[in-house]
């Protein structure tokens, strides 16, 4: 609609606006489909564990492969479960190392479930619609898109651990956790923890080998 006092759109501009609206509608439709698939995945998952007491479990999505966030999600998991009074946790990840690493931490983990990157994005898209369940945690500093918590690292001396514990796991006040004992641990896992702990301390992201 053209308003008085404004220049009318040219034919090329009108064409560009129509194309932009088509692209927006297409993106909205794709996001809705992705969110629906995320909804389906979530209800399938919670239904699976309901008969085992899963109504009081936390469901932790590790959406990416960066070692810093995956390490912090496990390091503060026990403290988070205690703080929110969850009895156990289900870990969702597509990182093979997390499957091996989880038993080194003391938290009560019911199961580590394989969750592809595509499935993780679908769950995140559903999560972006609304906070659908307090049991669900997207354990990342920079996902969903727009969270960008990594940018806060170092501001007024704040650490990645503090941001993760308070911002992601909603633990307040939180107590700084120490790395797990590494006695008889696989050399690759020891290396993983050392790299991830250093990344958490210094604030950068270290991508993990998912093979």
C-alpha atoms as a PDB file:
ATOM      1  CA  UNK A   1       0.000   0.000   0.000  1.00  0.00           C
ATOM      2  CA  UNK A   2       1.404   3.356  -1.075  1.00  0.00           C
ATOM      3  CA  UNK A   3       0.976   6.189   1.441  1.00  0.00           C
ATOM      4  CA  UNK A   4       0.668   9.882   0.665  1.00  0.00           C
ATOM      5  CA  UNK A   5       3.946  11.707   0.548  1.00  0.00           C
ATOM      6  CA  UNK A   6       6.009   8.611  -0.278  1.00  0.00           C
ATOM      7  CA  UNK A   7       7.524   7.752  -3.601  1.00  0.00           C
ATOM      8  CA  UNK A   8       5.803   4.798  -5.306  1.00  0.00           C
ATOM      9  CA  UNK A   9       7.829   1.624  -5.723  1.00  0.00           C
ATOM     10  CA  UNK A  10       9.319   0.963  -9.102  1.00  0.00           C
ATOM     11  CA  UNK A  11       8.480  -2.225 -10.964  1.00  0.00           C
ATOM     12  CA  UNK A  12      11.867  -3.690 -10.033  1.00  0.00           C
ATOM     13  CA  UNK A  13      11.376  -2.805  -6.348  1.00  0.00           C
ATOM     14  CA  UNK A  14       7.922  -4.378  -6.265  1.00  0.00           C
ATOM     15  CA  UNK A  15       9.383  -7.509  -7.807  1.00  0.00           C
ATOM     16  CA  UNK A  16      12.156  -7.583  -5.187  1.00  0.00           C
ATOM     17  CA  UNK A  17       9.635  -7.153  -2.339  1.00  0.00           C
ATOM     18  CA  UNK A  18       7.488 -10.021  -3.628  1.00  0.00           C
ATOM     19  CA  UNK A  19      10.547 -12.252  -3.903  1.00  0.00           C
ATOM     20  CA  UNK A  20      11.603 -11.358  -0.358  1.00  0.00           C
ATOM     21  CA  UNK A  21       8.139 -12.183   0.989  1.00  0.00           C
ATOM     22  CA  UNK A  22       8.191 -15.528  -0.809  1.00  0.00           C
ATOM     23  CA  UNK A  23      11.591 -16.301   0.736  1.00  0.00           C
ATOM     24  CA  UNK A  24      10.316 -15.334   4.213  1.00  0.00           C
ATOM     25  CA  UNK A  25       7.232 -17.560   3.841  1.00  0.00           C
ATOM     26  CA  UNK A  26       9.416 -20.440   2.664  1.00  0.00           C
ATOM     27  CA  UNK A  27      11.758 -20.019   5.646  1.00  0.00           C
ATOM     28  CA  UNK A  28       8.850 -19.829   8.089  1.00  0.00           C
ATOM     29  CA  UNK A  29       7.376 -23.011   6.636  1.00  0.00           C
ATOM     30  CA  UNK A  30      10.736 -24.814   6.875  1.00  0.00           C
ATOM     31  CA  UNK A  31      11.146 -23.700  10.497  1.00  0.00           C
ATOM     32  CA  UNK A  32       7.640 -24.859  11.377  1.00  0.00           C
ATOM     33  CA  UNK A  33       8.278 -28.273   9.821  1.00  0.00           C
ATOM     34  CA  UNK A  34      11.577 -28.523  11.705  1.00  0.00           C
ATOM     35  CA  UNK A  35       9.881 -27.491  14.975  1.00  0.00           C
ATOM     36  CA  UNK A  36       7.164 -30.102  14.430  1.00  0.00           C
ATOM     37  CA  UNK A  37       9.817 -32.789  13.957  1.00  0.00           C
ATOM     38  CA  UNK A  38      11.501 -31.535  17.126  1.00  0.00           C
ATOM     39  CA  UNK A  39       8.175 -31.834  18.957  1.00  0.00           C
ATOM     40  CA  UNK A  40       7.791 -35.401  17.695  1.00  0.00           C
ATOM     41  CA  UNK A  41      11.335 -36.321  18.765  1.00  0.00           C
ATOM     42  CA  UNK A  42      10.803 -34.831  22.222  1.00  0.00           C
ATOM     43  CA  UNK A  43       7.553 -36.680  22.883  1.00  0.00           C
ATOM     44  CA  UNK A  44       8.972 -39.929  21.538  1.00  0.00           C
ATOM     45  CA  UNK A  45      11.965 -39.535  23.859  1.00  0.00           C
ATOM     46  CA  UNK A  46      10.023 -38.684  27.025  1.00  0.00           C
ATOM     47  CA  UNK A  47       7.475 -41.436  26.352  1.00  0.00           C
ATOM     48  CA  UNK A  48      10.322 -43.960  26.153  1.00  0.00           C
ATOM     49  CA  UNK A  49      11.594 -43.107  29.652  1.00  0.00           C
ATOM     50  CA  UNK A  50       8.303 -42.291  31.369  1.00  0.00           C
ATOM     51  CA  UNK A  51       7.782 -45.824  32.670  1.00  0.00           C
ATOM     52  CA  UNK A  52      11.300 -45.759  34.161  1.00  0.00           C
ATOM     53  CA  UNK A  53      10.701 -42.611  36.193  1.00  0.00           C
ATOM     54  CA  UNK A  54      11.752 -40.222  33.464  1.00  0.00           C
ATOM     55  CA  UNK A  55       9.228 -37.603  34.548  1.00  0.00           C
ATOM     56  CA  UNK A  56      11.839 -36.437  37.069  1.00  0.00           C
ATOM     57  CA  UNK A  57      14.852 -36.691  34.769  1.00  0.00           C
ATOM     58  CA  UNK A  58      16.714 -33.900  33.000  1.00  0.00           C
ATOM     59  CA  UNK A  59      17.281 -34.163  29.249  1.00  0.00           C
ATOM     60  CA  UNK A  60      20.556 -32.571  28.174  1.00  0.00           C
ATOM     61  CA  UNK A  61      21.107 -31.786  24.503  1.00  0.00           C
ATOM     62  CA  UNK A  62      24.746 -31.378  23.475  1.00  0.00           C
ATOM     63  CA  UNK A  63      24.024 -29.948  20.023  1.00  0.00           C
ATOM     64  CA  UNK A  64      27.558 -29.391  18.781  1.00  0.00           C
ATOM     65  CA  UNK A  65      30.961 -31.087  18.899  1.00  0.00           C
ATOM     66  CA  UNK A  66      32.979 -28.373  20.626  1.00  0.00           C
ATOM     67  CA  UNK A  67      34.875 -29.833  23.539  1.00  0.00           C
ATOM     68  CA  UNK A  68      34.505 -26.841  25.835  1.00  0.00           C
ATOM     69  CA  UNK A  69      30.705 -26.939  26.054  1.00  0.00           C
ATOM     70  CA  UNK A  70      30.496 -30.735  26.096  1.00  0.00           C
ATOM     71  CA  UNK A  71      33.021 -30.878  28.926  1.00  0.00           C
ATOM     72  CA  UNK A  72      31.228 -28.189  30.939  1.00  0.00           C
ATOM     73  CA  UNK A  73      27.875 -29.903  30.435  1.00  0.00           C
ATOM     74  CA  UNK A  74      29.254 -33.043  32.089  1.00  0.00           C
ATOM     75  CA  UNK A  75      31.375 -31.237  34.684  1.00  0.00           C
ATOM     76  CA  UNK A  76      28.390 -29.365  36.136  1.00  0.00           C
ATOM     77  CA  UNK A  77      25.769 -32.016  35.498  1.00  0.00           C
ATOM     78  CA  UNK A  78      25.704 -33.488  39.007  1.00  0.00           C
ATOM     79  CA  UNK A  79      25.480 -30.022  40.573  1.00  0.00           C
ATOM     80  CA  UNK A  80      22.651 -29.111  38.209  1.00  0.00           C
ATOM     81  CA  UNK A  81      20.681 -32.276  38.976  1.00  0.00           C
ATOM     82  CA  UNK A  82      21.003 -31.627  42.699  1.00  0.00           C
ATOM     83  CA  UNK A  83      20.119 -27.945  42.378  1.00  0.00           C
ATOM     84  CA  UNK A  84      16.943 -28.624  40.369  1.00  0.00           C
ATOM     85  CA  UNK A  85      16.118 -31.848  42.228  1.00  0.00           C
ATOM     86  CA  UNK A  86      16.276 -34.106  39.166  1.00  0.00           C
ATOM     87  CA  UNK A  87      17.086 -37.739  39.887  1.00  0.00           C
ATOM     88  CA  UNK A  88      18.896 -38.636  36.633  1.00  0.00           C
ATOM     89  CA  UNK A  89      19.876 -37.264  33.253  1.00  0.00           C
ATOM     90  CA  UNK A  90      19.599 -38.395  29.655  1.00  0.00           C
ATOM     91  CA  UNK A  91      22.371 -37.053  27.430  1.00  0.00           C
ATOM     92  CA  UNK A  92      21.624 -36.410  23.747  1.00  0.00           C
ATOM     93  CA  UNK A  93      24.725 -36.105  21.574  1.00  0.00           C
ATOM     94  CA  UNK A  94      26.299 -36.975  18.238  1.00  0.00           C
ATOM     95  CA  UNK A  95      29.817 -36.820  19.669  1.00  0.00           C
ATOM     96  CA  UNK A  96      31.330 -40.293  20.022  1.00  0.00           C
ATOM     97  CA  UNK A  97      33.767 -39.122  22.690  1.00  0.00           C
ATOM     98  CA  UNK A  98      30.940 -38.019  24.999  1.00  0.00           C
ATOM     99  CA  UNK A  99      29.642 -41.608  25.079  1.00  0.00           C
ATOM    100  CA  UNK A 100      33.026 -42.722  26.429  1.00  0.00           C
ATOM    101  CA  UNK A 101      33.577 -39.687  28.648  1.00  0.00           C
ATOM    102  CA  UNK A 102      30.274 -39.674  30.542  1.00  0.00           C
ATOM    103  CA  UNK A 103      31.080 -42.594  32.911  1.00  0.00           C
ATOM    104  CA  UNK A 104      34.073 -40.648  34.287  1.00  0.00           C
ATOM    105  CA  UNK A 105      31.734 -38.112  35.879  1.00  0.00           C
ATOM    106  CA  UNK A 106      29.766 -38.824  39.082  1.00  0.00           C
ATOM    107  CA  UNK A 107      26.350 -37.642  37.879  1.00  0.00           C
ATOM    108  CA  UNK A 108      23.508 -40.165  37.612  1.00  0.00           C
ATOM    109  CA  UNK A 109      23.244 -40.623  33.841  1.00  0.00           C
ATOM    110  CA  UNK A 110      20.444 -42.940  32.747  1.00  0.00           C
ATOM    111  CA  UNK A 111      21.644 -43.158  29.155  1.00  0.00           C
ATOM    112  CA  UNK A 112      23.702 -41.392  26.513  1.00  0.00           C
ATOM    113  CA  UNK A 113      21.537 -41.302  23.401  1.00  0.00           C
ATOM    114  CA  UNK A 114      22.769 -40.869  19.844  1.00  0.00           C
ATOM    115  CA  UNK A 115      21.242 -37.671  18.453  1.00  0.00           C
ATOM    116  CA  UNK A 116      22.304 -36.494  15.014  1.00  0.00           C
ATOM    117  CA  UNK A 117      23.084 -32.862  14.252  1.00  0.00           C
ATOM    118  CA  UNK A 118      19.890 -32.632  12.206  1.00  0.00           C
ATOM    119  CA  UNK A 119      17.808 -33.989  15.094  1.00  0.00           C
ATOM    120  CA  UNK A 120      19.558 -31.568  17.459  1.00  0.00           C
ATOM    121  CA  UNK A 121      18.622 -28.640  15.215  1.00  0.00           C
ATOM    122  CA  UNK A 122      15.018 -29.850  15.105  1.00  0.00           C
ATOM    123  CA  UNK A 123      14.854 -29.980  18.908  1.00  0.00           C
ATOM    124  CA  UNK A 124      16.402 -26.516  19.072  1.00  0.00           C
ATOM    125  CA  UNK A 125      13.845 -25.190  16.578  1.00  0.00           C
ATOM    126  CA  UNK A 126      11.051 -26.559  18.773  1.00  0.00           C
ATOM    127  CA  UNK A 127      12.767 -25.055  21.839  1.00  0.00           C
ATOM    128  CA  UNK A 128      12.892 -21.665  20.078  1.00  0.00           C
ATOM    129  CA  UNK A 129       9.085 -21.584  19.837  1.00  0.00           C
ATOM    130  CA  UNK A 130       8.707 -21.575  23.619  1.00  0.00           C
ATOM    131  CA  UNK A 131      10.266 -23.068  26.758  1.00  0.00           C
ATOM    132  CA  UNK A 132       8.286 -26.288  26.375  1.00  0.00           C
ATOM    133  CA  UNK A 133       9.671 -28.234  29.345  1.00  0.00           C
ATOM    134  CA  UNK A 134      11.863 -27.259  32.311  1.00  0.00           C
ATOM    135  CA  UNK A 135      13.563 -30.664  32.070  1.00  0.00           C
ATOM    136  CA  UNK A 136      15.153 -29.774  28.710  1.00  0.00           C
ATOM    137  CA  UNK A 137      18.539 -28.043  28.569  1.00  0.00           C
ATOM    138  CA  UNK A 138      20.327 -26.986  25.404  1.00  0.00           C
ATOM    139  CA  UNK A 139      23.860 -27.318  26.777  1.00  0.00           C
ATOM    140  CA  UNK A 140      25.712 -24.789  24.646  1.00  0.00           C
ATOM    141  CA  UNK A 141      26.906 -21.224  25.129  1.00  0.00           C
ATOM    142  CA  UNK A 142      26.088 -20.158  21.567  1.00  0.00           C
ATOM    143  CA  UNK A 143      23.000 -22.170  20.650  1.00  0.00           C
ATOM    144  CA  UNK A 144      20.164 -21.570  19.961  1.00  0.00           C
ATOM    145  CA  UNK A 145      21.108 -18.924  17.416  1.00  0.00           C
ATOM    146  CA  UNK A 146      21.400 -15.542  19.087  1.00  0.00           C
ATOM    147  CA  UNK A 147      22.461 -16.777  22.527  1.00  0.00           C
ATOM    148  CA  UNK A 148      26.094 -15.696  21.897  1.00  0.00           C
ATOM    149  CA  UNK A 149      27.144 -16.237  25.520  1.00  0.00           C
ATOM    150  CA  UNK A 150      30.774 -16.794  24.485  1.00  0.00           C
ATOM    151  CA  UNK A 151      31.035 -13.050  23.905  1.00  0.00           C
ATOM    152  CA  UNK A 152      30.622 -12.501  27.638  1.00  0.00           C
ATOM    153  CA  UNK A 153      33.696 -14.541  28.537  1.00  0.00           C
ATOM    154  CA  UNK A 154      36.289 -12.280  30.116  1.00  0.00           C
ATOM    155  CA  UNK A 155      33.889  -9.366  30.661  1.00  0.00           C
ATOM    156  CA  UNK A 156      34.508  -8.179  34.221  1.00  0.00           C
ATOM    157  CA  UNK A 157      36.479 -11.366  34.784  1.00  0.00           C
ATOM    158  CA  UNK A 158      33.562 -13.739  34.143  1.00  0.00           C
ATOM    159  CA  UNK A 159      34.611 -17.256  33.088  1.00  0.00           C
ATOM    160  CA  UNK A 160      33.133 -19.740  30.634  1.00  0.00           C
ATOM    161  CA  UNK A 161      32.372 -22.040  33.575  1.00  0.00           C
ATOM    162  CA  UNK A 162      30.451 -19.340  35.406  1.00  0.00           C
ATOM    163  CA  UNK A 163      28.442 -18.424  32.317  1.00  0.00           C
ATOM    164  CA  UNK A 164      27.639 -22.069  31.647  1.00  0.00           C
ATOM    165  CA  UNK A 165      26.702 -22.987  35.221  1.00  0.00           C
ATOM    166  CA  UNK A 166      24.519 -19.929  35.792  1.00  0.00           C
ATOM    167  CA  UNK A 167      23.287 -19.109  32.288  1.00  0.00           C
ATOM    168  CA  UNK A 168      22.747 -22.577  30.813  1.00  0.00           C
ATOM    169  CA  UNK A 169      22.162 -24.827  33.829  1.00  0.00           C
ATOM    170  CA  UNK A 170      20.546 -22.091  35.952  1.00  0.00           C
ATOM    171  CA  UNK A 171      22.661 -22.970  39.015  1.00  0.00           C
ATOM    172  CA  UNK A 172      22.870 -20.017  41.368  1.00  0.00           C
ATOM    173  CA  UNK A 173      24.905 -19.790  43.419  1.00  0.00           C
ATOM    174  CA  UNK A 174      27.229 -22.349  41.892  1.00  0.00           C
ATOM    175  CA  UNK A 175      30.387 -23.996  43.226  1.00  0.00           C
ATOM    176  CA  UNK A 176      33.422 -24.409  40.975  1.00  0.00           C
ATOM    177  CA  UNK A 177      33.879 -28.062  40.020  1.00  0.00           C
ATOM    178  CA  UNK A 178      37.182 -29.900  39.591  1.00  0.00           C
ATOM    179  CA  UNK A 179      37.907 -32.251  36.679  1.00  0.00           C
ATOM    180  CA  UNK A 180      37.149 -35.943  37.329  1.00  0.00           C
ATOM    181  CA  UNK A 181      39.777 -38.472  38.384  1.00  0.00           C
ATOM    182  CA  UNK A 182      41.552 -39.868  35.358  1.00  0.00           C
ATOM    183  CA  UNK A 183      42.977 -43.070  36.867  1.00  0.00           C
ATOM    184  CA  UNK A 184      43.078 -45.860  34.271  1.00  0.00           C
ATOM    185  CA  UNK A 185      41.262 -43.648  31.766  1.00  0.00           C
ATOM    186  CA  UNK A 186      41.830 -44.053  28.051  1.00  0.00           C
ATOM    187  CA  UNK A 187      44.622 -41.827  26.762  1.00  0.00           C
ATOM    188  CA  UNK A 188      42.317 -40.209  24.213  1.00  0.00           C
ATOM    189  CA  UNK A 189      39.803 -39.302  26.928  1.00  0.00           C
ATOM    190  CA  UNK A 190      42.533 -37.880  29.157  1.00  0.00           C
ATOM    191  CA  UNK A 191      43.640 -35.739  26.227  1.00  0.00           C
ATOM    192  CA  UNK A 192      40.009 -34.708  25.601  1.00  0.00           C
ATOM    193  CA  UNK A 193      39.538 -33.539  29.195  1.00  0.00           C
ATOM    194  CA  UNK A 194      42.834 -31.656  29.281  1.00  0.00           C
ATOM    195  CA  UNK A 195      42.060 -29.825  26.031  1.00  0.00           C
ATOM    196  CA  UNK A 196      38.465 -29.118  27.043  1.00  0.00           C
ATOM    197  CA  UNK A 197      39.450 -27.899  30.507  1.00  0.00           C
ATOM    198  CA  UNK A 198      42.006 -25.562  28.969  1.00  0.00           C
ATOM    199  CA  UNK A 199      39.438 -24.330  26.454  1.00  0.00           C
ATOM    200  CA  UNK A 200      36.980 -23.659  29.293  1.00  0.00           C
ATOM    201  CA  UNK A 201      39.653 -21.831  31.257  1.00  0.00           C
ATOM    202  CA  UNK A 202      40.778 -19.703  28.327  1.00  0.00           C
ATOM    203  CA  UNK A 203      37.342 -19.316  26.769  1.00  0.00           C
ATOM    204  CA  UNK A 204      37.936 -20.594  23.257  1.00  0.00           C
ATOM    205  CA  UNK A 205      36.205 -23.436  21.395  1.00  0.00           C
ATOM    206  CA  UNK A 206      38.103 -26.597  20.522  1.00  0.00           C
ATOM    207  CA  UNK A 207      36.327 -28.716  17.943  1.00  0.00           C
ATOM    208  CA  UNK A 208      36.246 -32.411  18.751  1.00  0.00           C
ATOM    209  CA  UNK A 209      36.857 -35.338  16.453  1.00  0.00           C
ATOM    210  CA  UNK A 210      33.454 -37.010  16.202  1.00  0.00           C
ATOM    211  CA  UNK A 211      34.717 -40.209  14.605  1.00  0.00           C
END
